[in-house]
Amino acid sequence: MAEDKSKAGESPLKQLREKAGLTQEELARRCRIPLRTYQRWESGESAARPNIPQVKALCRELKIPIEQLPDEFGPSQGSE
């Protein structure tokens, strides 16, 4: 059941991270992003403002080209 509703309002960053097989802590550490900052990005609690080295590290660790890095890291708000 939980799988049915996943993806729809889920963070695109979380989807990419899980596809890469990484925990929040692993990805944050590898990208030199404070864990709490990363958690806020993924939850949509705060807007992501990664610096250039962090963007490069995210792309490297998620194994994606920069074009596939989402503009918004948090869950989609829909029409709520």
C-alpha atoms as a PDB file:
ATOM      1  CA  MET A   1       0.000   0.000   0.000  1.00  0.00           C
ATOM      2  CA  ALA A   2       2.718   2.475   0.919  1.00  0.00           C
ATOM      3  CA  GLU A   3       4.310   1.827  -2.444  1.00  0.00           C
ATOM      4  CA  ASP A   4       1.129   2.874  -4.248  1.00  0.00           C
ATOM      5  CA  LYS A   5       1.252   6.460  -3.022  1.00  0.00           C
ATOM      6  CA  SER A   6       5.047   6.826  -3.122  1.00  0.00           C
ATOM      7  CA  LYS A   7       6.500   8.834  -5.948  1.00  0.00           C
ATOM      8  CA  ALA A   8       3.447  11.143  -6.430  1.00  0.00           C
ATOM      9  CA  GLY A   9       4.191  13.744  -3.758  1.00  0.00           C
ATOM     10  CA  GLU A  10       7.642  12.431  -2.927  1.00  0.00           C
ATOM     11  CA  SER A  11      10.813  14.455  -3.145  1.00  0.00           C
ATOM     12  CA  PRO A  12      12.564  13.968  -6.507  1.00  0.00           C
ATOM     13  CA  LEU A  13      15.869  14.176  -4.632  1.00  0.00           C
ATOM     14  CA  LYS A  14      14.760  11.321  -2.359  1.00  0.00           C
ATOM     15  CA  GLN A  15      13.804   9.241  -5.399  1.00  0.00           C
ATOM     16  CA  LEU A  16      17.238   9.783  -6.958  1.00  0.00           C
ATOM     17  CA  ARG A  17      19.001   9.057  -3.659  1.00  0.00           C
ATOM     18  CA  GLU A  18      17.101   5.807  -3.134  1.00  0.00           C
ATOM     19  CA  LYS A  19      17.739   4.765  -6.730  1.00  0.00           C
ATOM     20  CA  ALA A  20      21.463   5.274  -6.033  1.00  0.00           C
ATOM     21  CA  GLY A  21      21.131   3.105  -2.914  1.00  0.00           C
ATOM     22  CA  LEU A  22      22.270   5.805  -0.502  1.00  0.00           C
ATOM     23  CA  THR A  23      20.969   6.948   2.871  1.00  0.00           C
ATOM     24  CA  GLN A  24      20.490  10.637   3.615  1.00  0.00           C
ATOM     25  CA  GLU A  25      23.547  10.525   5.853  1.00  0.00           C
ATOM     26  CA  GLU A  26      25.737   8.863   3.200  1.00  0.00           C
ATOM     27  CA  LEU A  27      24.770  11.291   0.457  1.00  0.00           C
ATOM     28  CA  ALA A  28      25.091  14.351   2.688  1.00  0.00           C
ATOM     29  CA  ARG A  29      28.525  13.259   3.920  1.00  0.00           C
ATOM     30  CA  ARG A  30      29.819  12.459   0.427  1.00  0.00           C
ATOM     31  CA  CYS A  31      28.598  15.823  -0.866  1.00  0.00           C
ATOM     32  CA  ARG A  32      29.850  17.783   2.162  1.00  0.00           C
ATOM     33  CA  ILE A  33      26.351  19.009   2.989  1.00  0.00           C
ATOM     34  CA  PRO A  34      25.378  19.211   6.666  1.00  0.00           C
ATOM     35  CA  LEU A  35      22.929  16.355   7.331  1.00  0.00           C
ATOM     36  CA  ARG A  36      20.220  18.608   8.771  1.00  0.00           C
ATOM     37  CA  THR A  37      20.505  20.925   5.757  1.00  0.00           C
ATOM     38  CA  TYR A  38      20.146  17.961   3.398  1.00  0.00           C
ATOM     39  CA  GLN A  39      17.128  16.691   5.352  1.00  0.00           C
ATOM     40  CA  ARG A  40      15.482  20.109   5.060  1.00  0.00           C
ATOM     41  CA  TRP A  41      16.065  20.134   1.304  1.00  0.00           C
ATOM     42  CA  GLU A  42      14.584  16.675   0.849  1.00  0.00           C
ATOM     43  CA  SER A  43      11.564  17.376   3.071  1.00  0.00           C
ATOM     44  CA  GLY A  44      10.885  20.711   1.398  1.00  0.00           C
ATOM     45  CA  GLU A  45      11.324  22.456   4.755  1.00  0.00           C
ATOM     46  CA  SER A  46      13.745  24.885   3.125  1.00  0.00           C
ATOM     47  CA  ALA A  47      14.683  25.751  -0.430  1.00  0.00           C
ATOM     48  CA  ALA A  48      17.856  24.076  -1.616  1.00  0.00           C
ATOM     49  CA  ARG A  49      20.707  26.424  -2.388  1.00  0.00           C
ATOM     50  CA  PRO A  50      23.655  24.114  -3.037  1.00  0.00           C
ATOM     51  CA  ASN A  51      26.972  25.645  -3.971  1.00  0.00           C
ATOM     52  CA  ILE A  52      28.763  24.561  -7.139  1.00  0.00           C
ATOM     53  CA  PRO A  53      30.965  21.886  -5.489  1.00  0.00           C
ATOM     54  CA  GLN A  54      27.821  20.438  -3.845  1.00  0.00           C
ATOM     55  CA  VAL A  55      25.964  20.375  -7.181  1.00  0.00           C
ATOM     56  CA  LYS A  56      28.897  18.558  -8.792  1.00  0.00           C
ATOM     57  CA  ALA A  57      29.059  16.094  -5.886  1.00  0.00           C
ATOM     58  CA  LEU A  58      25.295  15.450  -5.996  1.00  0.00           C
ATOM     59  CA  CYS A  59      25.491  14.666  -9.711  1.00  0.00           C
ATOM     60  CA  ARG A  60      28.532  12.435  -9.194  1.00  0.00           C
ATOM     61  CA  GLU A  61      27.067  10.517  -6.242  1.00  0.00           C
ATOM     62  CA  LEU A  62      23.602  10.175  -7.817  1.00  0.00           C
ATOM     63  CA  LYS A  63      25.260   9.194 -11.113  1.00  0.00           C
ATOM     64  CA  ILE A  64      23.225  11.665 -13.149  1.00  0.00           C
ATOM     65  CA  PRO A  65      24.049  14.493 -15.560  1.00  0.00           C
ATOM     66  CA  ILE A  66      23.341  17.975 -14.224  1.00  0.00           C
ATOM     67  CA  GLU A  67      20.294  18.233 -16.506  1.00  0.00           C
ATOM     68  CA  GLN A  68      18.614  15.492 -14.470  1.00  0.00           C
ATOM     69  CA  LEU A  69      19.168  17.245 -11.136  1.00  0.00           C
ATOM     70  CA  PRO A  70      15.699  18.547 -10.148  1.00  0.00           C
ATOM     71  CA  ASP A  71      15.110  22.284  -9.857  1.00  0.00           C
ATOM     72  CA  GLU A  72      13.168  21.712  -6.632  1.00  0.00           C
ATOM     73  CA  PHE A  73      14.477  19.088  -4.205  1.00  0.00           C
ATOM     74  CA  GLY A  74      11.467  18.882  -1.891  1.00  0.00           C
ATOM     75  CA  PRO A  75       8.159  17.087  -2.443  1.00  0.00           C
ATOM     76  CA  SER A  76       5.770  18.601  -4.959  1.00  0.00           C
ATOM     77  CA  GLN A  77       3.112  20.696  -3.280  1.00  0.00           C
ATOM     78  CA  GLY A  78       0.449  20.005  -5.897  1.00  0.00           C
ATOM     79  CA  SER A  79      -2.650  22.168  -5.571  1.00  0.00           C
ATOM     80  CA  GLU A  80      -2.769  22.106  -1.765  1.00  0.00           C
END
